[in-house]
Amino acid sequence: MPIYEYRCNTCKHEFAHRHERYSEPAPPCPECGAADPRKLLSTFSASVKKPEASCSLGKCPSGGCCQTKGTCPLG
């Protein structure tokens, strides 16, 4: 269920609303009751961590396979 942020065009109050369906209309402003809020552009942050060199994944970063050869060239 998506959560959208809105700003009321009448009183400028900002609020969030969780929609049950994608096609659900915008809710009235909880402060003044106006039925014309504007959907705001929301931002989010995501961080992606690059996996570290590891032989436990079955493929050695050096290009070989440590588990079948039994030794790791990285130590």
Protein backbone atom coordinates (compact mmCIF):
# COMPACT_ATOMS: atom_id res chain seq x y z
CA MET A 1 0.00 0.00 0.00
CA PRO A 2 1.63 3.23 -1.10
CA ILE A 3 2.01 6.24 1.18
CA TYR A 4 1.68 9.60 -0.54
CA GLU A 5 2.49 13.05 0.82
CA TYR A 6 0.17 15.97 0.18
CA ARG A 7 0.03 19.74 0.71
CA CYS A 8 -3.33 21.43 1.12
CA ASN A 9 -3.87 24.21 -1.44
CA THR A 10 -6.06 26.10 1.05
CA CYS A 11 -4.18 26.06 4.39
CA LYS A 12 -0.75 24.74 3.18
CA HIS A 13 -0.78 21.90 5.75
CA GLU A 14 1.42 18.94 4.73
CA PHE A 15 0.30 15.41 5.54
CA ALA A 16 0.80 11.80 4.51
CA HIS A 17 -1.90 9.31 3.59
CA ARG A 18 -1.70 5.56 3.08
CA HIS A 19 -3.81 4.47 0.13
CA GLU A 20 -5.58 1.13 0.07
CA ARG A 21 -5.64 1.12 -3.74
CA TYR A 22 -3.53 2.84 -6.37
CA SER A 23 -6.61 4.48 -7.92
CA GLU A 24 -7.90 5.89 -4.62
CA PRO A 25 -8.58 9.67 -4.83
CA ALA A 26 -6.69 12.18 -2.68
CA PRO A 27 -8.10 12.52 0.84
CA PRO A 28 -9.40 15.81 2.25
CA CYS A 29 -7.02 17.91 4.34
CA PRO A 30 -7.07 16.75 7.98
CA GLU A 31 -6.58 20.36 9.19
CA CYS A 32 -9.21 22.34 7.29
CA GLY A 33 -11.18 19.69 5.41
CA ALA A 34 -10.48 21.13 1.96
CA ALA A 35 -10.81 18.58 -0.82
CA ASP A 36 -8.03 19.85 -3.06
CA PRO A 37 -4.65 18.71 -1.70
CA ARG A 38 -1.71 18.53 -4.07
CA LYS A 39 0.41 15.38 -4.21
CA LEU A 40 4.04 16.16 -3.41
CA LEU A 41 7.07 14.61 -5.02
CA SER A 42 8.55 12.34 -2.37
CA THR A 43 12.20 11.45 -2.17
CA PHE A 44 13.87 8.40 -0.78
CA SER A 45 17.35 7.26 -0.04
CA ALA A 46 18.92 3.92 -0.75
CA SER A 47 22.43 2.75 -0.21
CA VAL A 48 23.95 -0.17 -2.00
CA LYS A 49 27.00 -1.76 -0.51
CA LYS A 50 29.37 -3.40 -2.93
CA PRO A 51 30.13 -6.94 -1.77
CA GLU A 52 33.62 -7.39 -0.48
CA ALA A 53 36.00 -9.89 -2.00
CA SER A 54 35.12 -13.23 -0.50
CA CYS A 55 35.73 -16.83 -1.36
CA SER A 56 32.69 -17.91 0.65
CA LEU A 57 30.50 -17.12 -2.38
CA GLY A 58 32.04 -20.03 -4.28
CA LYS A 59 33.80 -17.82 -6.81
CA CYS A 60 37.08 -16.25 -5.97
CA PRO A 61 37.61 -12.60 -6.98
CA SER A 62 40.82 -13.71 -8.65
CA GLY A 63 38.77 -15.57 -11.26
CA GLY A 64 39.13 -19.13 -10.01
CA CYS A 65 36.98 -21.20 -7.74
CA CYS A 66 38.48 -21.63 -4.26
CA GLN A 67 36.10 -24.35 -3.14
CA THR A 68 37.02 -26.77 -5.91
CA LYS A 69 40.75 -26.07 -5.85
CA GLY A 70 40.95 -25.93 -2.07
CA THR A 71 43.18 -22.86 -1.83
CA CYS A 72 42.56 -19.15 -2.03
CA PRO A 73 45.10 -16.95 -3.79
CA LEU A 74 43.93 -14.02 -1.66
CA GLY A 75 45.07 -15.65 1.54
